[in-house]
Amino acid sequence: IETRLSDGLAKLEPGEGDTLVIAGM
């Protein structure tokens, strides 16, 4: 598990994940 300080998806590159979870907002 990697952690990243990120505003939304700003610090993520396309293709780095298969499932995106956004919850609690």
PDBML (XML) file of the C-alpha atoms, coordinates in Angstrom:
<?xml version="1.0" encoding="UTF-8" ?>
<PDBx:datablock datablockName="MODEL"
   xmlns:PDBx="http://pdbml.pdb.org/schema/pdbx-v50.xsd"
   xmlns:xsi="http://www.w3.org/2001/XMLSchema-instance"
   xsi:schemaLocation="http://pdbml.pdb.org/schema/pdbx-v50.xsd pdbx-v50.xsd">
   <PDBx:atom_siteCategory>
      <PDBx:atom_site id="1">
         <PDBx:B_iso_or_equiv>0.00</PDBx:B_iso_or_equiv>
         <PDBx:Cartn_x>0.000</PDBx:Cartn_x>
         <PDBx:Cartn_y>0.000</PDBx:Cartn_y>
         <PDBx:Cartn_z>0.000</PDBx:Cartn_z>
         <PDBx:auth_asym_id>A</PDBx:auth_asym_id>
         <PDBx:auth_atom_id>CA</PDBx:auth_atom_id>
         <PDBx:auth_comp_id>ILE</PDBx:auth_comp_id>
         <PDBx:auth_seq_id>1</PDBx:auth_seq_id>
         <PDBx:group_PDB>ATOM</PDBx:group_PDB>
         <PDBx:label_alt_id xsi:nil="true" />
         <PDBx:label_asym_id>A</PDBx:label_asym_id>
         <PDBx:label_atom_id>CA</PDBx:label_atom_id>
         <PDBx:label_comp_id>ILE</PDBx:label_comp_id>
         <PDBx:label_entity_id>1</PDBx:label_entity_id>
         <PDBx:label_seq_id>1</PDBx:label_seq_id>
         <PDBx:occupancy>1.00</PDBx:occupancy>
         <PDBx:pdbx_PDB_model_num>1</PDBx:pdbx_PDB_model_num>
         <PDBx:type_symbol>C</PDBx:type_symbol>
      </PDBx:atom_site>
      <PDBx:atom_site id="2">
         <PDBx:B_iso_or_equiv>0.00</PDBx:B_iso_or_equiv>
         <PDBx:Cartn_x>1.448</PDBx:Cartn_x>
         <PDBx:Cartn_y>3.308</PDBx:Cartn_y>
         <PDBx:Cartn_z>-1.156</PDBx:Cartn_z>
         <PDBx:auth_asym_id>A</PDBx:auth_asym_id>
         <PDBx:auth_atom_id>CA</PDBx:auth_atom_id>
         <PDBx:auth_comp_id>GLU</PDBx:auth_comp_id>
         <PDBx:auth_seq_id>2</PDBx:auth_seq_id>
         <PDBx:group_PDB>ATOM</PDBx:group_PDB>
         <PDBx:label_alt_id xsi:nil="true" />
         <PDBx:label_asym_id>A</PDBx:label_asym_id>
         <PDBx:label_atom_id>CA</PDBx:label_atom_id>
         <PDBx:label_comp_id>GLU</PDBx:label_comp_id>
         <PDBx:label_entity_id>1</PDBx:label_entity_id>
         <PDBx:label_seq_id>2</PDBx:label_seq_id>
         <PDBx:occupancy>1.00</PDBx:occupancy>
         <PDBx:pdbx_PDB_model_num>1</PDBx:pdbx_PDB_model_num>
         <PDBx:type_symbol>C</PDBx:type_symbol>
      </PDBx:atom_site>
      <PDBx:atom_site id="3">
         <PDBx:B_iso_or_equiv>0.00</PDBx:B_iso_or_equiv>
         <PDBx:Cartn_x>0.277</PDBx:Cartn_x>
         <PDBx:Cartn_y>6.635</PDBx:Cartn_y>
         <PDBx:Cartn_z>0.270</PDBx:Cartn_z>
         <PDBx:auth_asym_id>A</PDBx:auth_asym_id>
         <PDBx:auth_atom_id>CA</PDBx:auth_atom_id>
         <PDBx:auth_comp_id>THR</PDBx:auth_comp_id>
         <PDBx:auth_seq_id>3</PDBx:auth_seq_id>
         <PDBx:group_PDB>ATOM</PDBx:group_PDB>
         <PDBx:label_alt_id xsi:nil="true" />
         <PDBx:label_asym_id>A</PDBx:label_asym_id>
         <PDBx:label_atom_id>CA</PDBx:label_atom_id>
         <PDBx:label_comp_id>THR</PDBx:label_comp_id>
         <PDBx:label_entity_id>1</PDBx:label_entity_id>
         <PDBx:label_seq_id>3</PDBx:label_seq_id>
         <PDBx:occupancy>1.00</PDBx:occupancy>
         <PDBx:pdbx_PDB_model_num>1</PDBx:pdbx_PDB_model_num>
         <PDBx:type_symbol>C</PDBx:type_symbol>
      </PDBx:atom_site>
      <PDBx:atom_site id="4">
         <PDBx:B_iso_or_equiv>0.00</PDBx:B_iso_or_equiv>
         <PDBx:Cartn_x>0.164</PDBx:Cartn_x>
         <PDBx:Cartn_y>9.929</PDBx:Cartn_y>
         <PDBx:Cartn_z>-1.625</PDBx:Cartn_z>
         <PDBx:auth_asym_id>A</PDBx:auth_asym_id>
         <PDBx:auth_atom_id>CA</PDBx:auth_atom_id>
         <PDBx:auth_comp_id>ARG</PDBx:auth_comp_id>
         <PDBx:auth_seq_id>4</PDBx:auth_seq_id>
         <PDBx:group_PDB>ATOM</PDBx:group_PDB>
         <PDBx:label_alt_id xsi:nil="true" />
         <PDBx:label_asym_id>A</PDBx:label_asym_id>
         <PDBx:label_atom_id>CA</PDBx:label_atom_id>
         <PDBx:label_comp_id>ARG</PDBx:label_comp_id>
         <PDBx:label_entity_id>1</PDBx:label_entity_id>
         <PDBx:label_seq_id>4</PDBx:label_seq_id>
         <PDBx:occupancy>1.00</PDBx:occupancy>
         <PDBx:pdbx_PDB_model_num>1</PDBx:pdbx_PDB_model_num>
         <PDBx:type_symbol>C</PDBx:type_symbol>
      </PDBx:atom_site>
      <PDBx:atom_site id="5">
         <PDBx:B_iso_or_equiv>0.00</PDBx:B_iso_or_equiv>
         <PDBx:Cartn_x>-0.758</PDBx:Cartn_x>
         <PDBx:Cartn_y>13.451</PDBx:Cartn_y>
         <PDBx:Cartn_z>-0.580</PDBx:Cartn_z>
         <PDBx:auth_asym_id>A</PDBx:auth_asym_id>
         <PDBx:auth_atom_id>CA</PDBx:auth_atom_id>
         <PDBx:auth_comp_id>LEU</PDBx:auth_comp_id>
         <PDBx:auth_seq_id>5</PDBx:auth_seq_id>
         <PDBx:group_PDB>ATOM</PDBx:group_PDB>
         <PDBx:label_alt_id xsi:nil="true" />
         <PDBx:label_asym_id>A</PDBx:label_asym_id>
         <PDBx:label_atom_id>CA</PDBx:label_atom_id>
         <PDBx:label_comp_id>LEU</PDBx:label_comp_id>
         <PDBx:label_entity_id>1</PDBx:label_entity_id>
         <PDBx:label_seq_id>5</PDBx:label_seq_id>
         <PDBx:occupancy>1.00</PDBx:occupancy>
         <PDBx:pdbx_PDB_model_num>1</PDBx:pdbx_PDB_model_num>
         <PDBx:type_symbol>C</PDBx:type_symbol>
      </PDBx:atom_site>
      <PDBx:atom_site id="6">
         <PDBx:B_iso_or_equiv>0.00</PDBx:B_iso_or_equiv>
         <PDBx:Cartn_x>-3.109</PDBx:Cartn_x>
         <PDBx:Cartn_y>14.388</PDBx:Cartn_y>
         <PDBx:Cartn_z>-3.385</PDBx:Cartn_z>
         <PDBx:auth_asym_id>A</PDBx:auth_asym_id>
         <PDBx:auth_atom_id>CA</PDBx:auth_atom_id>
         <PDBx:auth_comp_id>SER</PDBx:auth_comp_id>
         <PDBx:auth_seq_id>6</PDBx:auth_seq_id>
         <PDBx:group_PDB>ATOM</PDBx:group_PDB>
         <PDBx:label_alt_id xsi:nil="true" />
         <PDBx:label_asym_id>A</PDBx:label_asym_id>
         <PDBx:label_atom_id>CA</PDBx:label_atom_id>
         <PDBx:label_comp_id>SER</PDBx:label_comp_id>
         <PDBx:label_entity_id>1</PDBx:label_entity_id>
         <PDBx:label_seq_id>6</PDBx:label_seq_id>
         <PDBx:occupancy>1.00</PDBx:occupancy>
         <PDBx:pdbx_PDB_model_num>1</PDBx:pdbx_PDB_model_num>
         <PDBx:type_symbol>C</PDBx:type_symbol>
      </PDBx:atom_site>
      <PDBx:atom_site id="7">
         <PDBx:B_iso_or_equiv>0.00</PDBx:B_iso_or_equiv>
         <PDBx:Cartn_x>-6.002</PDBx:Cartn_x>
         <PDBx:Cartn_y>16.692</PDBx:Cartn_y>
         <PDBx:Cartn_z>-4.175</PDBx:Cartn_z>
         <PDBx:auth_asym_id>A</PDBx:auth_asym_id>
         <PDBx:auth_atom_id>CA</PDBx:auth_atom_id>
         <PDBx:auth_comp_id>ASP</PDBx:auth_comp_id>
         <PDBx:auth_seq_id>7</PDBx:auth_seq_id>
         <PDBx:group_PDB>ATOM</PDBx:group_PDB>
         <PDBx:label_alt_id xsi:nil="true" />
         <PDBx:label_asym_id>A</PDBx:label_asym_id>
         <PDBx:label_atom_id>CA</PDBx:label_atom_id>
         <PDBx:label_comp_id>ASP</PDBx:label_comp_id>
         <PDBx:label_entity_id>1</PDBx:label_entity_id>
         <PDBx:label_seq_id>7</PDBx:label_seq_id>
         <PDBx:occupancy>1.00</PDBx:occupancy>
         <PDBx:pdbx_PDB_model_num>1</PDBx:pdbx_PDB_model_num>
         <PDBx:type_symbol>C</PDBx:type_symbol>
      </PDBx:atom_site>
      <PDBx:atom_site id="8">
         <PDBx:B_iso_or_equiv>0.00</PDBx:B_iso_or_equiv>
         <PDBx:Cartn_x>-8.334</PDBx:Cartn_x>
         <PDBx:Cartn_y>14.189</PDBx:Cartn_y>
         <PDBx:Cartn_z>-5.778</PDBx:Cartn_z>
         <PDBx:auth_asym_id>A</PDBx:auth_asym_id>
         <PDBx:auth_atom_id>CA</PDBx:auth_atom_id>
         <PDBx:auth_comp_id>GLY</PDBx:auth_comp_id>
         <PDBx:auth_seq_id>8</PDBx:auth_seq_id>
         <PDBx:group_PDB>ATOM</PDBx:group_PDB>
         <PDBx:label_alt_id xsi:nil="true" />
         <PDBx:label_asym_id>A</PDBx:label_asym_id>
         <PDBx:label_atom_id>CA</PDBx:label_atom_id>
         <PDBx:label_comp_id>GLY</PDBx:label_comp_id>
         <PDBx:label_entity_id>1</PDBx:label_entity_id>
         <PDBx:label_seq_id>8</PDBx:label_seq_id>
         <PDBx:occupancy>1.00</PDBx:occupancy>
         <PDBx:pdbx_PDB_model_num>1</PDBx:pdbx_PDB_model_num>
         <PDBx:type_symbol>C</PDBx:type_symbol>
      </PDBx:atom_site>
      <PDBx:atom_site id="9">
         <PDBx:B_iso_or_equiv>0.00</PDBx:B_iso_or_equiv>
         <PDBx:Cartn_x>-6.645</PDBx:Cartn_x>
         <PDBx:Cartn_y>12.371</PDBx:Cartn_y>
         <PDBx:Cartn_z>-8.656</PDBx:Cartn_z>
         <PDBx:auth_asym_id>A</PDBx:auth_asym_id>
         <PDBx:auth_atom_id>CA</PDBx:auth_atom_id>
         <PDBx:auth_comp_id>LEU</PDBx:auth_comp_id>
         <PDBx:auth_seq_id>9</PDBx:auth_seq_id>
         <PDBx:group_PDB>ATOM</PDBx:group_PDB>
         <PDBx:label_alt_id xsi:nil="true" />
         <PDBx:label_asym_id>A</PDBx:label_asym_id>
         <PDBx:label_atom_id>CA</PDBx:label_atom_id>
         <PDBx:label_comp_id>LEU</PDBx:label_comp_id>
         <PDBx:label_entity_id>1</PDBx:label_entity_id>
         <PDBx:label_seq_id>9</PDBx:label_seq_id>
         <PDBx:occupancy>1.00</PDBx:occupancy>
         <PDBx:pdbx_PDB_model_num>1</PDBx:pdbx_PDB_model_num>
         <PDBx:type_symbol>C</PDBx:type_symbol>
      </PDBx:atom_site>
      <PDBx:atom_site id="10">
         <PDBx:B_iso_or_equiv>0.00</PDBx:B_iso_or_equiv>
         <PDBx:Cartn_x>-3.903</PDBx:Cartn_x>
         <PDBx:Cartn_y>14.975</PDBx:Cartn_y>
         <PDBx:Cartn_z>-9.157</PDBx:Cartn_z>
         <PDBx:auth_asym_id>A</PDBx:auth_asym_id>
         <PDBx:auth_atom_id>CA</PDBx:auth_atom_id>
         <PDBx:auth_comp_id>ALA</PDBx:auth_comp_id>
         <PDBx:auth_seq_id>10</PDBx:auth_seq_id>
         <PDBx:group_PDB>ATOM</PDBx:group_PDB>
         <PDBx:label_alt_id xsi:nil="true" />
         <PDBx:label_asym_id>A</PDBx:label_asym_id>
         <PDBx:label_atom_id>CA</PDBx:label_atom_id>
         <PDBx:label_comp_id>ALA</PDBx:label_comp_id>
         <PDBx:label_entity_id>1</PDBx:label_entity_id>
         <PDBx:label_seq_id>10</PDBx:label_seq_id>
         <PDBx:occupancy>1.00</PDBx:occupancy>
         <PDBx:pdbx_PDB_model_num>1</PDBx:pdbx_PDB_model_num>
         <PDBx:type_symbol>C</PDBx:type_symbol>
      </PDBx:atom_site>
      <PDBx:atom_site id="11">
         <PDBx:B_iso_or_equiv>0.00</PDBx:B_iso_or_equiv>
         <PDBx:Cartn_x>-1.038</PDBx:Cartn_x>
         <PDBx:Cartn_y>12.693</PDBx:Cartn_y>
         <PDBx:Cartn_z>-8.064</PDBx:Cartn_z>
         <PDBx:auth_asym_id>A</PDBx:auth_asym_id>
         <PDBx:auth_atom_id>CA</PDBx:auth_atom_id>
         <PDBx:auth_comp_id>LYS</PDBx:auth_comp_id>
         <PDBx:auth_seq_id>11</PDBx:auth_seq_id>
         <PDBx:group_PDB>ATOM</PDBx:group_PDB>
         <PDBx:label_alt_id xsi:nil="true" />
         <PDBx:label_asym_id>A</PDBx:label_asym_id>
         <PDBx:label_atom_id>CA</PDBx:label_atom_id>
         <PDBx:label_comp_id>LYS</PDBx:label_comp_id>
         <PDBx:label_entity_id>1</PDBx:label_entity_id>
         <PDBx:label_seq_id>11</PDBx:label_seq_id>
         <PDBx:occupancy>1.00</PDBx:occupancy>
         <PDBx:pdbx_PDB_model_num>1</PDBx:pdbx_PDB_model_num>
         <PDBx:type_symbol>C</PDBx:type_symbol>
      </PDBx:atom_site>
      <PDBx:atom_site id="12">
         <PDBx:B_iso_or_equiv>0.00</PDBx:B_iso_or_equiv>
         <PDBx:Cartn_x>-2.246</PDBx:Cartn_x>
         <PDBx:Cartn_y>9.609</PDBx:Cartn_y>
         <PDBx:Cartn_z>-9.916</PDBx:Cartn_z>
         <PDBx:auth_asym_id>A</PDBx:auth_asym_id>
         <PDBx:auth_atom_id>CA</PDBx:auth_atom_id>
         <PDBx:auth_comp_id>LEU</PDBx:auth_comp_id>
         <PDBx:auth_seq_id>12</PDBx:auth_seq_id>
         <PDBx:group_PDB>ATOM</PDBx:group_PDB>
         <PDBx:label_alt_id xsi:nil="true" />
         <PDBx:label_asym_id>A</PDBx:label_asym_id>
         <PDBx:label_atom_id>CA</PDBx:label_atom_id>
         <PDBx:label_comp_id>LEU</PDBx:label_comp_id>
         <PDBx:label_entity_id>1</PDBx:label_entity_id>
         <PDBx:label_seq_id>12</PDBx:label_seq_id>
         <PDBx:occupancy>1.00</PDBx:occupancy>
         <PDBx:pdbx_PDB_model_num>1</PDBx:pdbx_PDB_model_num>
         <PDBx:type_symbol>C</PDBx:type_symbol>
      </PDBx:atom_site>
      <PDBx:atom_site id="13">
         <PDBx:B_iso_or_equiv>0.00</PDBx:B_iso_or_equiv>
         <PDBx:Cartn_x>-1.220</PDBx:Cartn_x>
         <PDBx:Cartn_y>8.616</PDBx:Cartn_y>
         <PDBx:Cartn_z>-13.432</PDBx:Cartn_z>
         <PDBx:auth_asym_id>A</PDBx:auth_asym_id>
         <PDBx:auth_atom_id>CA</PDBx:auth_atom_id>
         <PDBx:auth_comp_id>GLU</PDBx:auth_comp_id>
         <PDBx:auth_seq_id>13</PDBx:auth_seq_id>
         <PDBx:group_PDB>ATOM</PDBx:group_PDB>
         <PDBx:label_alt_id xsi:nil="true" />
         <PDBx:label_asym_id>A</PDBx:label_asym_id>
         <PDBx:label_atom_id>CA</PDBx:label_atom_id>
         <PDBx:label_comp_id>GLU</PDBx:label_comp_id>
         <PDBx:label_entity_id>1</PDBx:label_entity_id>
         <PDBx:label_seq_id>13</PDBx:label_seq_id>
         <PDBx:occupancy>1.00</PDBx:occupancy>
         <PDBx:pdbx_PDB_model_num>1</PDBx:pdbx_PDB_model_num>
         <PDBx:type_symbol>C</PDBx:type_symbol>
      </PDBx:atom_site>
      <PDBx:atom_site id="14">
         <PDBx:B_iso_or_equiv>0.00</PDBx:B_iso_or_equiv>
         <PDBx:Cartn_x>-3.567</PDBx:Cartn_x>
         <PDBx:Cartn_y>6.955</PDBx:Cartn_y>
         <PDBx:Cartn_z>-15.948</PDBx:Cartn_z>
         <PDBx:auth_asym_id>A</PDBx:auth_asym_id>
         <PDBx:auth_atom_id>CA</PDBx:auth_atom_id>
         <PDBx:auth_comp_id>PRO</PDBx:auth_comp_id>
         <PDBx:auth_seq_id>14</PDBx:auth_seq_id>
         <PDBx:group_PDB>ATOM</PDBx:group_PDB>
         <PDBx:label_alt_id xsi:nil="true" />
         <PDBx:label_asym_id>A</PDBx:label_asym_id>
         <PDBx:label_atom_id>CA</PDBx:label_atom_id>
         <PDBx:label_comp_id>PRO</PDBx:label_comp_id>
         <PDBx:label_entity_id>1</PDBx:label_entity_id>
         <PDBx:label_seq_id>14</PDBx:label_seq_id>
         <PDBx:occupancy>1.00</PDBx:occupancy>
         <PDBx:pdbx_PDB_model_num>1</PDBx:pdbx_PDB_model_num>
         <PDBx:type_symbol>C</PDBx:type_symbol>
      </PDBx:atom_site>
      <PDBx:atom_site id="15">
         <PDBx:B_iso_or_equiv>0.00</PDBx:B_iso_or_equiv>
         <PDBx:Cartn_x>-3.485</PDBx:Cartn_x>
         <PDBx:Cartn_y>3.171</PDBx:Cartn_y>
         <PDBx:Cartn_z>-15.651</PDBx:Cartn_z>
         <PDBx:auth_asym_id>A</PDBx:auth_asym_id>
         <PDBx:auth_atom_id>CA</PDBx:auth_atom_id>
         <PDBx:auth_comp_id>GLY</PDBx:auth_comp_id>
         <PDBx:auth_seq_id>15</PDBx:auth_seq_id>
         <PDBx:group_PDB>ATOM</PDBx:group_PDB>
         <PDBx:label_alt_id xsi:nil="true" />
         <PDBx:label_asym_id>A</PDBx:label_asym_id>
         <PDBx:label_atom_id>CA</PDBx:label_atom_id>
         <PDBx:label_comp_id>GLY</PDBx:label_comp_id>
         <PDBx:label_entity_id>1</PDBx:label_entity_id>
         <PDBx:label_seq_id>15</PDBx:label_seq_id>
         <PDBx:occupancy>1.00</PDBx:occupancy>
         <PDBx:pdbx_PDB_model_num>1</PDBx:pdbx_PDB_model_num>
         <PDBx:type_symbol>C</PDBx:type_symbol>
      </PDBx:atom_site>
      <PDBx:atom_site id="16">
         <PDBx:B_iso_or_equiv>0.00</PDBx:B_iso_or_equiv>
         <PDBx:Cartn_x>-2.138</PDBx:Cartn_x>
         <PDBx:Cartn_y>3.016</PDBx:Cartn_y>
         <PDBx:Cartn_z>-12.086</PDBx:Cartn_z>
         <PDBx:auth_asym_id>A</PDBx:auth_asym_id>
         <PDBx:auth_atom_id>CA</PDBx:auth_atom_id>
         <PDBx:auth_comp_id>GLU</PDBx:auth_comp_id>
         <PDBx:auth_seq_id>16</PDBx:auth_seq_id>
         <PDBx:group_PDB>ATOM</PDBx:group_PDB>
         <PDBx:label_alt_id xsi:nil="true" />
         <PDBx:label_asym_id>A</PDBx:label_asym_id>
         <PDBx:label_atom_id>CA</PDBx:label_atom_id>
         <PDBx:label_comp_id>GLU</PDBx:label_comp_id>
         <PDBx:label_entity_id>1</PDBx:label_entity_id>
         <PDBx:label_seq_id>16</PDBx:label_seq_id>
         <PDBx:occupancy>1.00</PDBx:occupancy>
         <PDBx:pdbx_PDB_model_num>1</PDBx:pdbx_PDB_model_num>
         <PDBx:type_symbol>C</PDBx:type_symbol>
      </PDBx:atom_site>
      <PDBx:atom_site id="17">
         <PDBx:B_iso_or_equiv>0.00</PDBx:B_iso_or_equiv>
         <PDBx:Cartn_x>-5.310</PDBx:Cartn_x>
         <PDBx:Cartn_y>1.401</PDBx:Cartn_y>
         <PDBx:Cartn_z>-10.784</PDBx:Cartn_z>
         <PDBx:auth_asym_id>A</PDBx:auth_asym_id>
         <PDBx:auth_atom_id>CA</PDBx:auth_atom_id>
         <PDBx:auth_comp_id>GLY</PDBx:auth_comp_id>
         <PDBx:auth_seq_id>17</PDBx:auth_seq_id>
         <PDBx:group_PDB>ATOM</PDBx:group_PDB>
         <PDBx:label_alt_id xsi:nil="true" />
         <PDBx:label_asym_id>A</PDBx:label_asym_id>
         <PDBx:label_atom_id>CA</PDBx:label_atom_id>
         <PDBx:label_comp_id>GLY</PDBx:label_comp_id>
         <PDBx:label_entity_id>1</PDBx:label_entity_id>
         <PDBx:label_seq_id>17</PDBx:label_seq_id>
         <PDBx:occupancy>1.00</PDBx:occupancy>
         <PDBx:pdbx_PDB_model_num>1</PDBx:pdbx_PDB_model_num>
         <PDBx:type_symbol>C</PDBx:type_symbol>
      </PDBx:atom_site>
      <PDBx:atom_site id="18">
         <PDBx:B_iso_or_equiv>0.00</PDBx:B_iso_or_equiv>
         <PDBx:Cartn_x>-8.275</PDBx:Cartn_x>
         <PDBx:Cartn_y>-0.733</PDBx:Cartn_y>
         <PDBx:Cartn_z>-11.822</PDBx:Cartn_z>
         <PDBx:auth_asym_id>A</PDBx:auth_asym_id>
         <PDBx:auth_atom_id>CA</PDBx:auth_atom_id>
         <PDBx:auth_comp_id>ASP</PDBx:auth_comp_id>
         <PDBx:auth_seq_id>18</PDBx:auth_seq_id>
         <PDBx:group_PDB>ATOM</PDBx:group_PDB>
         <PDBx:label_alt_id xsi:nil="true" />
         <PDBx:label_asym_id>A</PDBx:label_asym_id>
         <PDBx:label_atom_id>CA</PDBx:label_atom_id>
         <PDBx:label_comp_id>ASP</PDBx:label_comp_id>
         <PDBx:label_entity_id>1</PDBx:label_entity_id>
         <PDBx:label_seq_id>18</PDBx:label_seq_id>
         <PDBx:occupancy>1.00</PDBx:occupancy>
         <PDBx:pdbx_PDB_model_num>1</PDBx:pdbx_PDB_model_num>
         <PDBx:type_symbol>C</PDBx:type_symbol>
      </PDBx:atom_site>
      <PDBx:atom_site id="19">
         <PDBx:B_iso_or_equiv>0.00</PDBx:B_iso_or_equiv>
         <PDBx:Cartn_x>-10.822</PDBx:Cartn_x>
         <PDBx:Cartn_y>0.229</PDBx:Cartn_y>
         <PDBx:Cartn_z>-9.154</PDBx:Cartn_z>
         <PDBx:auth_asym_id>A</PDBx:auth_asym_id>
         <PDBx:auth_atom_id>CA</PDBx:auth_atom_id>
         <PDBx:auth_comp_id>THR</PDBx:auth_comp_id>
         <PDBx:auth_seq_id>19</PDBx:auth_seq_id>
         <PDBx:group_PDB>ATOM</PDBx:group_PDB>
         <PDBx:label_alt_id xsi:nil="true" />
         <PDBx:label_asym_id>A</PDBx:label_asym_id>
         <PDBx:label_atom_id>CA</PDBx:label_atom_id>
         <PDBx:label_comp_id>THR</PDBx:label_comp_id>
         <PDBx:label_entity_id>1</PDBx:label_entity_id>
         <PDBx:label_seq_id>19</PDBx:label_seq_id>
         <PDBx:occupancy>1.00</PDBx:occupancy>
         <PDBx:pdbx_PDB_model_num>1</PDBx:pdbx_PDB_model_num>
         <PDBx:type_symbol>C</PDBx:type_symbol>
      </PDBx:atom_site>
      <PDBx:atom_site id="20">
         <PDBx:B_iso_or_equiv>0.00</PDBx:B_iso_or_equiv>
         <PDBx:Cartn_x>-11.299</PDBx:Cartn_x>
         <PDBx:Cartn_y>3.813</PDBx:Cartn_y>
         <PDBx:Cartn_z>-7.999</PDBx:Cartn_z>
         <PDBx:auth_asym_id>A</PDBx:auth_asym_id>
         <PDBx:auth_atom_id>CA</PDBx:auth_atom_id>
         <PDBx:auth_comp_id>LEU</PDBx:auth_comp_id>
         <PDBx:auth_seq_id>20</PDBx:auth_seq_id>
         <PDBx:group_PDB>ATOM</PDBx:group_PDB>
         <PDBx:label_alt_id xsi:nil="true" />
         <PDBx:label_asym_id>A</PDBx:label_asym_id>
         <PDBx:label_atom_id>CA</PDBx:label_atom_id>
         <PDBx:label_comp_id>LEU</PDBx:label_comp_id>
         <PDBx:label_entity_id>1</PDBx:label_entity_id>
         <PDBx:label_seq_id>20</PDBx:label_seq_id>
         <PDBx:occupancy>1.00</PDBx:occupancy>
         <PDBx:pdbx_PDB_model_num>1</PDBx:pdbx_PDB_model_num>
         <PDBx:type_symbol>C</PDBx:type_symbol>
      </PDBx:atom_site>
      <PDBx:atom_site id="21">
         <PDBx:B_iso_or_equiv>0.00</PDBx:B_iso_or_equiv>
         <PDBx:Cartn_x>-13.023</PDBx:Cartn_x>
         <PDBx:Cartn_y>4.364</PDBx:Cartn_y>
         <PDBx:Cartn_z>-4.663</PDBx:Cartn_z>
         <PDBx:auth_asym_id>A</PDBx:auth_asym_id>
         <PDBx:auth_atom_id>CA</PDBx:auth_atom_id>
         <PDBx:auth_comp_id>VAL</PDBx:auth_comp_id>
         <PDBx:auth_seq_id>21</PDBx:auth_seq_id>
         <PDBx:group_PDB>ATOM</PDBx:group_PDB>
         <PDBx:label_alt_id xsi:nil="true" />
         <PDBx:label_asym_id>A</PDBx:label_asym_id>
         <PDBx:label_atom_id>CA</PDBx:label_atom_id>
         <PDBx:label_comp_id>VAL</PDBx:label_comp_id>
         <PDBx:label_entity_id>1</PDBx:label_entity_id>
         <PDBx:label_seq_id>21</PDBx:label_seq_id>
         <PDBx:occupancy>1.00</PDBx:occupancy>
         <PDBx:pdbx_PDB_model_num>1</PDBx:pdbx_PDB_model_num>
         <PDBx:type_symbol>C</PDBx:type_symbol>
      </PDBx:atom_site>
      <PDBx:atom_site id="22">
         <PDBx:B_iso_or_equiv>0.00</PDBx:B_iso_or_equiv>
         <PDBx:Cartn_x>-14.230</PDBx:Cartn_x>
         <PDBx:Cartn_y>7.799</PDBx:Cartn_y>
         <PDBx:Cartn_z>-3.573</PDBx:Cartn_z>
         <PDBx:auth_asym_id>A</PDBx:auth_asym_id>
         <PDBx:auth_atom_id>CA</PDBx:auth_atom_id>
         <PDBx:auth_comp_id>ILE</PDBx:auth_comp_id>
         <PDBx:auth_seq_id>22</PDBx:auth_seq_id>
         <PDBx:group_PDB>ATOM</PDBx:group_PDB>
         <PDBx:label_alt_id xsi:nil="true" />
         <PDBx:label_asym_id>A</PDBx:label_asym_id>
         <PDBx:label_atom_id>CA</PDBx:label_atom_id>
         <PDBx:label_comp_id>ILE</PDBx:label_comp_id>
         <PDBx:label_entity_id>1</PDBx:label_entity_id>
         <PDBx:label_seq_id>22</PDBx:label_seq_id>
         <PDBx:occupancy>1.00</PDBx:occupancy>
         <PDBx:pdbx_PDB_model_num>1</PDBx:pdbx_PDB_model_num>
         <PDBx:type_symbol>C</PDBx:type_symbol>
      </PDBx:atom_site>
      <PDBx:atom_site id="23">
         <PDBx:B_iso_or_equiv>0.00</PDBx:B_iso_or_equiv>
         <PDBx:Cartn_x>-16.303</PDBx:Cartn_x>
         <PDBx:Cartn_y>7.867</PDBx:Cartn_y>
         <PDBx:Cartn_z>-0.419</PDBx:Cartn_z>
         <PDBx:auth_asym_id>A</PDBx:auth_asym_id>
         <PDBx:auth_atom_id>CA</PDBx:auth_atom_id>
         <PDBx:auth_comp_id>ALA</PDBx:auth_comp_id>
         <PDBx:auth_seq_id>23</PDBx:auth_seq_id>
         <PDBx:group_PDB>ATOM</PDBx:group_PDB>
         <PDBx:label_alt_id xsi:nil="true" />
         <PDBx:label_asym_id>A</PDBx:label_asym_id>
         <PDBx:label_atom_id>CA</PDBx:label_atom_id>
         <PDBx:label_comp_id>ALA</PDBx:label_comp_id>
         <PDBx:label_entity_id>1</PDBx:label_entity_id>
         <PDBx:label_seq_id>23</PDBx:label_seq_id>
         <PDBx:occupancy>1.00</PDBx:occupancy>
         <PDBx:pdbx_PDB_model_num>1</PDBx:pdbx_PDB_model_num>
         <PDBx:type_symbol>C</PDBx:type_symbol>
      </PDBx:atom_site>
      <PDBx:atom_site id="24">
         <PDBx:B_iso_or_equiv>0.00</PDBx:B_iso_or_equiv>
         <PDBx:Cartn_x>-17.294</PDBx:Cartn_x>
         <PDBx:Cartn_y>10.081</PDBx:Cartn_y>
         <PDBx:Cartn_z>2.458</PDBx:Cartn_z>
         <PDBx:auth_asym_id>A</PDBx:auth_asym_id>
         <PDBx:auth_atom_id>CA</PDBx:auth_atom_id>
         <PDBx:auth_comp_id>GLY</PDBx:auth_comp_id>
         <PDBx:auth_seq_id>24</PDBx:auth_seq_id>
         <PDBx:group_PDB>ATOM</PDBx:group_PDB>
         <PDBx:label_alt_id xsi:nil="true" />
         <PDBx:label_asym_id>A</PDBx:label_asym_id>
         <PDBx:label_atom_id>CA</PDBx:label_atom_id>
         <PDBx:label_comp_id>GLY</PDBx:label_comp_id>
         <PDBx:label_entity_id>1</PDBx:label_entity_id>
         <PDBx:label_seq_id>24</PDBx:label_seq_id>
         <PDBx:occupancy>1.00</PDBx:occupancy>
         <PDBx:pdbx_PDB_model_num>1</PDBx:pdbx_PDB_model_num>
         <PDBx:type_symbol>C</PDBx:type_symbol>
      </PDBx:atom_site>
      <PDBx:atom_site id="25">
         <PDBx:B_iso_or_equiv>0.00</PDBx:B_iso_or_equiv>
         <PDBx:Cartn_x>-17.701</PDBx:Cartn_x>
         <PDBx:Cartn_y>13.407</PDBx:Cartn_y>
         <PDBx:Cartn_z>0.688</PDBx:Cartn_z>
         <PDBx:auth_asym_id>A</PDBx:auth_asym_id>
         <PDBx:auth_atom_id>CA</PDBx:auth_atom_id>
         <PDBx:auth_comp_id>MET</PDBx:auth_comp_id>
         <PDBx:auth_seq_id>25</PDBx:auth_seq_id>
         <PDBx:group_PDB>ATOM</PDBx:group_PDB>
         <PDBx:label_alt_id xsi:nil="true" />
         <PDBx:label_asym_id>A</PDBx:label_asym_id>
         <PDBx:label_atom_id>CA</PDBx:label_atom_id>
         <PDBx:label_comp_id>MET</PDBx:label_comp_id>
         <PDBx:label_entity_id>1</PDBx:label_entity_id>
         <PDBx:label_seq_id>25</PDBx:label_seq_id>
         <PDBx:occupancy>1.00</PDBx:occupancy>
         <PDBx:pdbx_PDB_model_num>1</PDBx:pdbx_PDB_model_num>
         <PDBx:type_symbol>C</PDBx:type_symbol>
      </PDBx:atom_site>
   </PDBx:atom_siteCategory>
</PDBx:datablock>
